[in-house]
Amino acid sequence: MFYLSLLTILTVFQLITQSNKYKAAWIYYVTPIDRPGQFMTGVLKACLIKYVLPFNVLFLCICVPLFGISSINDLLLSSAVGGIESILIMLFLVKNYPFSKASQSSSKALVNLLILGLLGLLGYLHKVIFQYELLIWGWQYSAGYCFLSCSNIYKRGLEKPGL
């Protein structure tokens, strides 16, 4: 259930570069930022907080009374996996600054299917190891560490998009 909230990230990151008022995006290109990774990781964190966190809180409020306190580690694991998925989506789908391109309809069906397949595979693995509580905690910590590491690498290594 927690993995359903990650579907919003796929949609948000596909549409975040498009706007009807895209000509105001010149400000991104005149800033003295050589590597705008800090800006883009800020966009990533803002999208996670605005779009994923409310779903996770709602799902947690539903799951704790129904399944018990052990559903908290499932939420933490799916959040860490969602963070990794978000960074992968930002790397492969977001090639420009937010709201810097004209609105258009572009189909990225193959990339979407690959991302959804990866998400489904991770959800299935989570279901398989559901009965092993310590394994879920270990996987959650390693996925969280991987998310933080990828976020730092993304922050330092991103080149200016669109140039």
Foldseek 3Di string as FASTA:
>chain_A
DLLVLLVVLLVCLLQFAADQPQVVVVVVVPDPDFFQLVVVLVVLVVCCVPRRVVVLVVVCVVCCVPPNPLCVLVNLQSSLVSLVLNLVCCVPRPQADTRNHHDDDDDPPVVVVVSVVVSVVVVVVCVVCVVPSVVSNVSSVVSNVVSVVSSVCSSPDHGHGPD
